[in-house]
C-alpha atoms as a PDB file:
ATOM      1  CA  MET A   1     -21.567 -20.918  17.847  1.00  0.00           C
ATOM      2  CA  PRO A   2     -18.653 -18.420  17.930  1.00  0.00           C
ATOM      3  CA  GLU A   3     -16.983 -17.432  14.690  1.00  0.00           C
ATOM      4  CA  ARG A   4     -13.451 -18.763  14.114  1.00  0.00           C
ATOM      5  CA  ILE A   5     -10.686 -16.218  14.632  1.00  0.00           C
ATOM      6  CA  ALA A   6      -9.267 -15.246  11.234  1.00  0.00           C
ATOM      7  CA  THR A   7      -5.502 -14.978  10.849  1.00  0.00           C
ATOM      8  CA  VAL A   8      -3.986 -12.032   9.007  1.00  0.00           C
ATOM      9  CA  LEU A   9      -0.398 -11.557   7.828  1.00  0.00           C
ATOM     10  CA  PHE A  10       0.944  -8.093   6.948  1.00  0.00           C
ATOM     11  CA  LEU A  11       4.024  -8.182   4.712  1.00  0.00           C
ATOM     12  CA  CYS A  12       6.622  -5.593   3.827  1.00  0.00           C
ATOM     13  CA  THR A  13      10.297  -5.753   3.055  1.00  0.00           C
ATOM     14  CA  ALA A  14      12.057  -4.779   6.316  1.00  0.00           C
ATOM     15  CA  ASN A  15       9.246  -5.549   8.793  1.00  0.00           C
ATOM     16  CA  SER A  16      10.338  -2.613  10.943  1.00  0.00           C
ATOM     17  CA  ALA A  17       7.544  -0.034  10.604  1.00  0.00           C
ATOM     18  CA  ARG A  18       4.416  -0.430   8.416  1.00  0.00           C
ATOM     19  CA  SER A  19       3.713  -4.132   8.815  1.00  0.00           C
ATOM     20  CA  ILE A  20       4.583  -3.957  12.524  1.00  0.00           C
ATOM     21  CA  MET A  21       2.120  -1.071  12.983  1.00  0.00           C
ATOM     22  CA  ALA A  22      -0.577  -2.973  11.086  1.00  0.00           C
ATOM     23  CA  GLU A  23      -0.063  -6.075  13.237  1.00  0.00           C
ATOM     24  CA  ALA A  24      -0.406  -4.048  16.443  1.00  0.00           C
ATOM     25  CA  ILE A  25      -3.428  -2.107  15.190  1.00  0.00           C
ATOM     26  CA  LEU A  26      -5.406  -5.159  14.066  1.00  0.00           C
ATOM     27  CA  ASN A  27      -4.646  -7.047  17.271  1.00  0.00           C
ATOM     28  CA  ARG A  28      -6.101  -4.071  19.179  1.00  0.00           C
ATOM     29  CA  VAL A  29      -9.044  -3.274  16.870  1.00  0.00           C
ATOM     30  CA  GLY A  30     -10.128  -6.840  16.111  1.00  0.00           C
ATOM     31  CA  PRO A  31      -9.648  -8.970  19.240  1.00  0.00           C
ATOM     32  CA  GLY A  32     -11.733 -12.134  19.226  1.00  0.00           C
ATOM     33  CA  ARG A  33     -12.216 -11.851  15.449  1.00  0.00           C
ATOM     34  CA  PHE A  34      -8.673 -11.553  14.110  1.00  0.00           C
ATOM     35  CA  GLN A  35      -5.156 -12.516  15.065  1.00  0.00           C
ATOM     36  CA  ALA A  36      -2.544 -10.462  13.226  1.00  0.00           C
ATOM     37  CA  PHE A  37       1.063 -11.193  12.404  1.00  0.00           C
ATOM     38  CA  SER A  38       3.700  -9.357  10.392  1.00  0.00           C
ATOM     39  CA  ALA A  39       6.831 -10.348   8.528  1.00  0.00           C
ATOM     40  CA  GLY A  40       9.279  -9.183   5.899  1.00  0.00           C
ATOM     41  CA  SER A  41      11.134 -10.544   2.908  1.00  0.00           C
ATOM     42  CA  GLU A  42      14.365  -8.916   4.121  1.00  0.00           C
ATOM     43  CA  PRO A  43      13.713  -8.163   7.804  1.00  0.00           C
ATOM     44  CA  ALA A  44      15.713  -5.372   9.389  1.00  0.00           C
ATOM     45  CA  GLY A  45      16.219  -7.457  12.509  1.00  0.00           C
ATOM     46  CA  SER A  46      14.739  -4.801  14.769  1.00  0.00           C
ATOM     47  CA  VAL A  47      11.693  -2.591  14.935  1.00  0.00           C
ATOM     48  CA  HIS A  48      12.355   1.015  13.912  1.00  0.00           C
ATOM     49  CA  PRO A  49      12.773   3.222  17.026  1.00  0.00           C
ATOM     50  CA  LEU A  50      10.096   5.680  15.857  1.00  0.00           C
ATOM     51  CA  THR A  51       7.654   2.771  15.442  1.00  0.00           C
ATOM     52  CA  ILE A  52       8.344   1.769  19.040  1.00  0.00           C
ATOM     53  CA  GLU A  53       8.076   5.369  20.262  1.00  0.00           C
ATOM     54  CA  LEU A  54       4.780   6.005  18.453  1.00  0.00           C
ATOM     55  CA  SER A  55       3.311   2.663  19.494  1.00  0.00           C
ATOM     56  CA  SER A  56       4.218   3.288  23.134  1.00  0.00           C
ATOM     57  CA  ARG A  57       2.786   6.800  23.034  1.00  0.00           C
ATOM     58  CA  LEU A  58      -0.491   5.409  21.637  1.00  0.00           C
ATOM     59  CA  GLY A  59      -0.684   2.768  24.366  1.00  0.00           C
ATOM     60  CA  TYR A  60       0.305  -0.315  22.387  1.00  0.00           C
ATOM     61  CA  GLU A  61       2.263  -3.097  24.047  1.00  0.00           C
ATOM     62  CA  THR A  62       5.637  -3.052  22.277  1.00  0.00           C
ATOM     63  CA  ARG A  63       7.425  -6.019  23.859  1.00  0.00           C
ATOM     64  CA  PRO A  64       5.932  -8.619  21.500  1.00  0.00           C
ATOM     65  CA  LEU A  65       6.764  -6.559  18.395  1.00  0.00           C
ATOM     66  CA  ARG A  66       9.753  -7.901  16.491  1.00  0.00           C
ATOM     67  CA  SER A  67      11.146  -7.928  12.963  1.00  0.00           C
ATOM     68  CA  LYS A  68      10.915 -11.413  11.433  1.00  0.00           C
ATOM     69  CA  HIS A  69      11.205 -13.233   8.098  1.00  0.00           C
ATOM     70  CA  TRP A  70       8.078 -14.380   6.315  1.00  0.00           C
ATOM     71  CA  SER A  71       9.385 -17.960   6.301  1.00  0.00           C
ATOM     72  CA  GLU A  72       8.125 -18.170   9.908  1.00  0.00           C
ATOM     73  CA  PHE A  73       4.625 -18.167   8.440  1.00  0.00           C
ATOM     74  CA  SER A  74       5.087 -20.457   5.457  1.00  0.00           C
ATOM     75  CA  GLY A  75       6.065 -23.797   7.019  1.00  0.00           C
ATOM     76  CA  THR A  76       3.886 -26.663   8.151  1.00  0.00           C
ATOM     77  CA  GLU A  77       4.184 -25.501  11.789  1.00  0.00           C
ATOM     78  CA  ALA A  78       2.900 -22.008  10.948  1.00  0.00           C
ATOM     79  CA  PRO A  79      -0.717 -21.016  11.511  1.00  0.00           C
ATOM     80  CA  PRO A  80      -2.735 -21.033   8.281  1.00  0.00           C
ATOM     81  CA  MET A  81      -3.290 -17.496   7.008  1.00  0.00           C
ATOM     82  CA  ASP A  82      -6.764 -16.371   5.997  1.00  0.00           C
ATOM     83  CA  PHE A  83      -5.647 -12.957   4.744  1.00  0.00           C
ATOM     84  CA  VAL A  84      -2.311 -11.674   3.457  1.00  0.00           C
ATOM     85  CA  PHE A  85      -1.810  -7.933   2.914  1.00  0.00           C
ATOM     86  CA  THR A  86       1.316  -6.402   1.401  1.00  0.00           C
ATOM     87  CA  VAL A  87       1.879  -2.864   2.659  1.00  0.00           C
ATOM     88  CA  CYS A  88       4.833  -1.938   0.471  1.00  0.00           C
ATOM     89  CA  ASP A  89       5.282  -1.968  -3.268  1.00  0.00           C
ATOM     90  CA  LYS A  90       8.542  -3.907  -3.151  1.00  0.00           C
ATOM     91  CA  ALA A  91       7.072  -6.825  -1.167  1.00  0.00           C
ATOM     92  CA  ALA A  92       4.003  -6.843  -3.433  1.00  0.00           C
ATOM     93  CA  GLY A  93       6.241  -7.499  -6.431  1.00  0.00           C
ATOM     94  CA  GLU A  94       8.433 -10.152  -4.828  1.00  0.00           C
ATOM     95  CA  PRO A  95       7.798 -13.849  -5.179  1.00  0.00           C
ATOM     96  CA  CYS A  96       6.062 -14.759  -1.922  1.00  0.00           C
ATOM     97  CA  PRO A  97       5.517 -18.125  -0.342  1.00  0.00           C
ATOM     98  CA  VAL A  98       2.168 -19.671  -1.167  1.00  0.00           C
ATOM     99  CA  TRP A  99      -0.453 -19.357   1.534  1.00  0.00           C
ATOM    100  CA  PRO A 100      -3.346 -21.667   0.638  1.00  0.00           C
ATOM    101  CA  LYS A 101      -6.935 -20.652   1.420  1.00  0.00           C
ATOM    102  CA  ARG A 102      -6.141 -16.984   1.620  1.00  0.00           C
ATOM    103  CA  ALA A 103      -7.459 -13.672   0.371  1.00  0.00           C
ATOM    104  CA  ARG A 104      -4.681 -11.314  -0.629  1.00  0.00           C
ATOM    105  CA  ALA A 105      -4.571  -7.581  -1.299  1.00  0.00           C
ATOM    106  CA  HIS A 106      -2.007  -4.843  -1.730  1.00  0.00           C
ATOM    107  CA  TRP A 107      -2.379  -1.883   0.634  1.00  0.00           C
ATOM    108  CA  GLY A 108       0.736   0.097  -0.332  1.00  0.00           C
ATOM    109  CA  VAL A 109       1.914   2.749   2.117  1.00  0.00           C
ATOM    110  CA  PRO A 110       5.080   4.905   1.959  1.00  0.00           C
ATOM    111  CA  ASP A 111       7.867   3.546   4.154  1.00  0.00           C
ATOM    112  CA  PRO A 112       8.336   6.051   6.994  1.00  0.00           C
ATOM    113  CA  ALA A 113      11.687   4.445   7.832  1.00  0.00           C
ATOM    114  CA  LEU A 114      13.045   5.807   4.531  1.00  0.00           C
ATOM    115  CA  LEU A 115      11.785   9.341   5.066  1.00  0.00           C
ATOM    116  CA  TYR A 116      14.008  12.193   6.137  1.00  0.00           C
ATOM    117  CA  GLY A 117      13.502  15.657   7.506  1.00  0.00           C
ATOM    118  CA  SER A 118      13.533  17.118  10.976  1.00  0.00           C
ATOM    119  CA  GLU A 119      12.751  14.801  13.868  1.00  0.00           C
ATOM    120  CA  GLN A 120       9.309  16.399  14.198  1.00  0.00           C
ATOM    121  CA  GLN A 121       8.608  15.905  10.471  1.00  0.00           C
ATOM    122  CA  ARG A 122       9.667  12.255  10.676  1.00  0.00           C
ATOM    123  CA  LYS A 123       7.444  11.676  13.723  1.00  0.00           C
ATOM    124  CA  GLN A 124       4.553  13.335  11.887  1.00  0.00           C
ATOM    125  CA  LEU A 125       5.058  11.087   8.846  1.00  0.00           C
ATOM    126  CA  PHE A 126       5.161   7.968  11.055  1.00  0.00           C
ATOM    127  CA  PHE A 127       1.873   9.098  12.602  1.00  0.00           C
ATOM    128  CA  GLU A 128       0.307   9.711   9.179  1.00  0.00           C
ATOM    129  CA  VAL A 129       1.291   6.216   8.008  1.00  0.00           C
ATOM    130  CA  TYR A 130      -0.096   4.790  11.248  1.00  0.00           C
ATOM    131  CA  SER A 131      -3.366   6.726  10.724  1.00  0.00           C
ATOM    132  CA  LEU A 132      -3.734   5.465   7.151  1.00  0.00           C
ATOM    133  CA  LEU A 133      -3.172   1.858   8.236  1.00  0.00           C
ATOM    134  CA  LYS A 134      -5.586   2.249  11.148  1.00  0.00           C
ATOM    135  CA  ARG A 135      -8.308   3.560   8.834  1.00  0.00           C
ATOM    136  CA  ARG A 136      -7.843   0.665   6.404  1.00  0.00           C
ATOM    137  CA  ILE A 137      -7.901  -1.861   9.232  1.00  0.00           C
ATOM    138  CA  GLU A 138     -11.057  -0.330  10.701  1.00  0.00           C
ATOM    139  CA  LEU A 139     -12.733  -0.614   7.281  1.00  0.00           C
ATOM    140  CA  PHE A 140     -11.559  -4.223   7.007  1.00  0.00           C
ATOM    141  CA  CYS A 141     -12.926  -5.043  10.474  1.00  0.00           C
ATOM    142  CA  ALA A 142     -16.292  -3.542   9.490  1.00  0.00           C
ATOM    143  CA  LEU A 143     -16.722  -5.982   6.585  1.00  0.00           C
ATOM    144  CA  PRO A 144     -19.431  -8.614   7.119  1.00  0.00           C
ATOM    145  CA  LEU A 145     -16.955 -11.415   6.359  1.00  0.00           C
ATOM    146  CA  PRO A 146     -19.280 -14.413   6.857  1.00  0.00           C
ATOM    147  CA  THR A 147     -21.747 -13.011   4.319  1.00  0.00           C
ATOM    148  CA  LEU A 148     -19.249 -12.277   1.517  1.00  0.00           C
ATOM    149  CA  ASP A 149     -18.383 -14.753  -1.218  1.00  0.00           C
ATOM    150  CA  SER A 150     -14.710 -15.064  -2.191  1.00  0.00           C
ATOM    151  CA  LEU A 151     -14.883 -12.765  -5.220  1.00  0.00           C
ATOM    152  CA  THR A 152     -16.787 -10.020  -3.380  1.00  0.00           C
ATOM    153  CA  LEU A 153     -14.413 -10.270  -0.425  1.00  0.00           C
ATOM    154  CA  THR A 154     -11.390  -9.886  -2.710  1.00  0.00           C
ATOM    155  CA  GLN A 155     -12.982  -6.855  -4.389  1.00  0.00           C
ATOM    156  CA  ARG A 156     -13.822  -5.232  -1.046  1.00  0.00           C
ATOM    157  CA  ILE A 157     -10.348  -5.640   0.464  1.00  0.00           C
ATOM    158  CA  ASP A 158      -8.785  -4.321  -2.768  1.00  0.00           C
ATOM    159  CA  GLU A 159     -11.112  -1.290  -2.595  1.00  0.00           C
ATOM    160  CA  ILE A 160     -10.042  -0.600   0.989  1.00  0.00           C
ATOM    161  CA  GLY A 161      -6.420  -0.353  -0.136  1.00  0.00           C
ATOM    162  CA  ARG A 162      -7.326   2.079  -2.913  1.00  0.00           C
ATOM    163  CA  SER A 163     -10.032   4.256  -1.348  1.00  0.00           C
ATOM    164  CA  ALA A 164      -8.389   4.766   2.026  1.00  0.00           C
ATOM    165  CA  ALA A 165      -5.154   5.687   0.269  1.00  0.00           C
ATOM    166  CA  ASP A 166      -6.852   8.334  -1.858  1.00  0.00           C
ATOM    167  CA  SER A 167      -8.613  10.071   1.021  1.00  0.00           C
ATOM    168  CA  HIS A 168      -5.972   9.753   3.767  1.00  0.00           C
ATOM    169  CA  SER A 169      -2.673   9.971   1.916  1.00  0.00           C
ATOM    170  CA  PRO A 170       0.344  10.867   4.059  1.00  0.00           C
ATOM    171  CA  SER A 171       2.177  14.146   3.482  1.00  0.00           C
ATOM    172  CA  GLU A 172       4.493  14.293   0.516  1.00  0.00           C
ATOM    173  CA  PRO A 173       7.330  12.036   1.698  1.00  0.00           C
ATOM    174  CA  ARG A 174      10.979  12.708   1.104  1.00  0.00           C
ATOM    175  CA  ILE A 175      12.679   9.387   0.486  1.00  0.00           C
ATOM    176  CA  LEU A 176      16.253   8.845   1.580  1.00  0.00           C
ATOM    177  CA  PRO A 177      18.562   8.325  -1.393  1.00  0.00           C
ATOM    178  CA  PRO A 178      19.905   4.756  -1.820  1.00  0.00           C
END
């Protein structure tokens, strides 16, 4: 009997770069096992142009990518979420809707949309954030989910957010002033 497809929601504040990248990556890396979505607490309303450019260059379909509010995934019409990952520190600290029956972890990543420098430096930082997210998602996809109890699963997904960050940290970012 085939395993049920697990749903995964990636959250950040603007839903214009990190969570969008994570959604696209998981939908490519985990087809048939996972269906990924992304959303933000304060969506930008559009996907960052460098996210679109990088995604296109790497062969991702960009038409379905859009910036959206997390309320799309919290109503009775929304698909139930099995996993919820915050990818920014601000969203991790905000009061989120309740997603029953879910495992949640924080996989903080610097926001490349707030980085400045030359165009080449900005593109490089977007790629480094993408690479970090891809590594974490590959580790997540390698987990033997059906064999893990809830506590072990929570520990493992938390470890992915910490260990992958330590060994694949993006270059020292320069954050735009507020």
